[in-house]
N, C-alpha and C. Protein backbone atom coordinates (compact mmCIF):
# COMPACT_ATOMS: atom_id res chain seq x y z
N MET A 1 -13.01 9.06 5.34
CA MET A 1 -11.60 9.11 6.49
C MET A 1 -12.14 7.60 7.16
N SER A 2 -13.12 7.50 7.60
CA SER A 2 -13.68 6.35 8.30
C SER A 2 -13.35 4.93 7.77
N THR A 3 -13.69 5.03 6.68
CA THR A 3 -13.43 3.42 5.77
C THR A 3 -11.60 3.62 5.50
N LEU A 4 -10.88 4.64 5.38
CA LEU A 4 -9.36 3.94 5.63
C LEU A 4 -8.99 3.76 6.96
N ARG A 5 -9.79 4.28 8.16
CA ARG A 5 -9.31 3.69 9.23
C ARG A 5 -9.73 2.69 9.80
N ASN A 6 -11.17 2.03 9.48
CA ASN A 6 -11.47 0.71 9.91
C ASN A 6 -10.84 -0.54 8.69
N GLY A 7 -9.65 0.26 7.47
CA GLY A 7 -9.36 -0.62 7.12
C GLY A 7 -9.59 -1.08 5.67
N ASN A 8 -11.20 -0.69 5.04
CA ASN A 8 -12.00 -0.57 3.77
C ASN A 8 -11.53 -0.11 2.65
N ALA A 9 -10.36 0.49 3.01
CA ALA A 9 -10.03 1.36 1.55
C ALA A 9 -8.45 1.70 1.80
N SER A 10 -7.46 1.72 0.72
CA SER A 10 -6.72 2.08 0.26
C SER A 10 -6.57 3.78 0.53
N LEU A 11 -4.99 4.13 0.82
CA LEU A 11 -4.64 5.50 0.90
C LEU A 11 -4.51 5.76 -0.52
N SER A 12 -5.22 6.76 -1.14
CA SER A 12 -4.85 7.30 -2.77
C SER A 12 -3.76 8.31 -2.43
N ALA A 13 -3.60 8.79 -3.59
CA ALA A 13 -2.36 9.93 -4.00
C ALA A 13 -3.30 11.26 -3.48
N ASP A 14 -4.46 10.93 -3.91
CA ASP A 14 -5.30 12.63 -3.53
C ASP A 14 -5.75 12.35 -2.30
N ILE A 15 -6.04 11.46 -1.35
CA ILE A 15 -6.20 11.16 -0.15
C ILE A 15 -4.66 11.66 0.75
N ALA A 16 -3.61 11.68 0.49
CA ALA A 16 -2.90 11.81 1.24
C ALA A 16 -2.25 13.20 0.90
N ILE A 17 -2.51 13.99 -0.03
CA ILE A 17 -2.15 15.22 -0.55
C ILE A 17 -2.99 16.12 0.50
N ARG A 18 -4.44 15.92 0.44
CA ARG A 18 -4.89 16.28 1.66
C ARG A 18 -5.12 16.32 2.89
N PHE A 19 -4.27 14.89 3.29
CA PHE A 19 -3.76 14.73 4.60
C PHE A 19 -2.82 15.69 4.89
N GLU A 20 -2.01 15.96 3.56
CA GLU A 20 -0.68 16.46 4.01
C GLU A 20 -1.09 17.98 4.09
N LYS A 21 -1.87 18.62 3.15
CA LYS A 21 -2.32 19.76 3.63
C LYS A 21 -3.23 20.18 5.26
N ALA A 22 -3.63 19.17 5.36
CA ALA A 22 -4.49 19.42 6.65
C ALA A 22 -3.64 19.08 7.94
N PHE A 23 -2.86 18.33 7.94
CA PHE A 23 -2.29 17.71 9.04
C PHE A 23 -0.29 17.93 9.04
N GLY A 24 -0.13 18.26 8.10
CA GLY A 24 1.24 18.84 7.68
C GLY A 24 2.07 17.24 7.53
N VAL A 25 1.73 16.03 7.12
CA VAL A 25 2.42 14.93 7.18
C VAL A 25 2.75 14.53 5.58
N LYS A 26 3.89 14.51 5.17
CA LYS A 26 3.86 14.66 3.99
C LYS A 26 3.40 13.29 3.38
N ALA A 27 2.76 13.98 1.91
CA ALA A 27 1.90 12.67 1.52
C ALA A 27 2.71 11.62 0.84
N ASP A 28 4.09 11.75 0.82
CA ASP A 28 5.20 10.51 0.46
C ASP A 28 5.39 9.91 1.32
N THR A 29 5.49 10.27 2.80
CA THR A 29 5.43 9.28 4.07
C THR A 29 4.12 8.43 3.86
N LEU A 30 3.54 9.12 4.12
CA LEU A 30 2.04 8.51 3.98
C LEU A 30 1.84 7.15 3.02
N LEU A 31 1.95 7.34 1.88
CA LEU A 31 1.99 6.58 0.62
C LEU A 31 3.39 5.45 0.62
N ARG A 32 4.36 5.71 1.39
CA ARG A 32 5.60 4.81 1.39
C ARG A 32 4.67 3.72 3.06
N MET A 33 4.48 4.54 4.07
CA MET A 33 3.42 3.96 4.53
C MET A 33 2.39 3.07 4.48
N GLN A 34 1.69 3.22 3.16
CA GLN A 34 0.36 2.57 2.87
C GLN A 34 1.13 1.14 2.21
N THR A 35 1.90 1.57 1.14
CA THR A 35 2.98 0.49 0.17
C THR A 35 3.60 -0.88 1.52
N ALA A 36 3.94 -0.03 2.17
CA ALA A 36 4.64 -0.97 3.52
C ALA A 36 3.99 -2.05 4.29
N TYR A 37 2.56 -1.69 4.27
CA TYR A 37 1.69 -2.35 4.74
C TYR A 37 1.05 -3.15 3.85
N GLN A 38 0.87 -2.40 2.40
CA GLN A 38 0.43 -3.72 1.84
C GLN A 38 0.91 -4.55 1.36
N LEU A 39 2.31 -4.53 1.49
CA LEU A 39 3.14 -5.57 1.20
C LEU A 39 3.67 -6.17 2.37
N ALA A 40 3.15 -5.86 3.68
CA ALA A 40 3.26 -6.84 4.66
C ALA A 40 2.15 -7.68 4.96
N GLU A 41 1.24 -7.24 4.30
CA GLU A 41 0.02 -8.20 4.01
C GLU A 41 0.15 -9.23 3.28
N ALA A 42 0.80 -8.92 2.36
CA ALA A 42 0.83 -10.25 1.04
C ALA A 42 2.27 -11.07 1.46
N ARG A 43 3.17 -10.66 2.30
CA ARG A 43 3.75 -11.16 2.30
C ARG A 43 3.54 -11.99 3.92
N ALA A 44 2.54 -12.48 4.21
CA ALA A 44 2.25 -13.06 5.41
C ALA A 44 0.96 -14.00 4.85
N HIS A 45 1.02 -13.99 3.72
CA HIS A 45 0.11 -15.02 2.66
C HIS A 45 0.80 -15.63 1.66
N ASP A 46 1.92 -14.93 1.59
CA ASP A 46 2.87 -15.27 0.31
C ASP A 46 3.01 -16.74 -0.29
N ASP A 47 2.60 -17.71 0.80
CA ASP A 47 2.65 -19.05 0.46
C ASP A 47 1.47 -19.42 -0.51
N ASP A 48 0.68 -18.83 -0.08
CA ASP A 48 -0.59 -19.09 -1.40
C ASP A 48 -0.97 -18.12 -2.47
N ILE A 49 0.44 -17.53 -3.13
CA ILE A 49 0.70 -17.06 -4.39
C ILE A 49 1.11 -17.91 -5.17
N LYS A 50 0.75 -18.16 -6.03
CA LYS A 50 1.31 -19.45 -6.92
C LYS A 50 2.14 -18.90 -8.40
N VAL A 51 3.17 -18.91 -7.99
CA VAL A 51 3.84 -18.27 -9.79
C VAL A 51 5.11 -19.30 -10.10
N ARG A 52 5.05 -19.49 -11.23
CA ARG A 52 6.14 -20.46 -12.17
C ARG A 52 7.04 -19.53 -12.42
N LYS A 53 8.28 -20.18 -12.32
CA LYS A 53 9.53 -19.16 -12.31
C LYS A 53 9.56 -18.94 -13.74
N PHE A 54 9.96 -17.73 -14.18
CA PHE A 54 10.47 -17.31 -15.58
C PHE A 54 11.31 -17.73 -16.26
N ALA A 55 11.46 -18.47 -17.03
CA ALA A 55 12.92 -19.04 -17.99
C ALA A 55 12.78 -18.15 -19.21
N GLU A 56 14.26 -17.62 -18.92
CA GLU A 56 14.50 -16.55 -20.18
C GLU A 56 14.58 -17.64 -21.57
N ALA A 57 14.57 -17.73 -22.80
CA ALA A 57 14.53 -18.28 -23.63
C ALA A 57 16.24 -18.19 -24.27
N ALA A 58 17.03 -19.01 -24.34
CA ALA A 58 18.36 -19.06 -24.99
C ALA A 58 18.85 -18.91 -26.22
């Protein structure tokens, strides 16, 4: 739990279910929150992510 709290680990589905059983917070909600957090972190440095645009063959 301390690794999650300190940001050294991501929430897994298994741990989310354990939290749901222990604290009553839905695992789905916890996983959506984790995904939103990870996306926000990635967007904070999206200028560093270099990808060429995919072009479909005509």
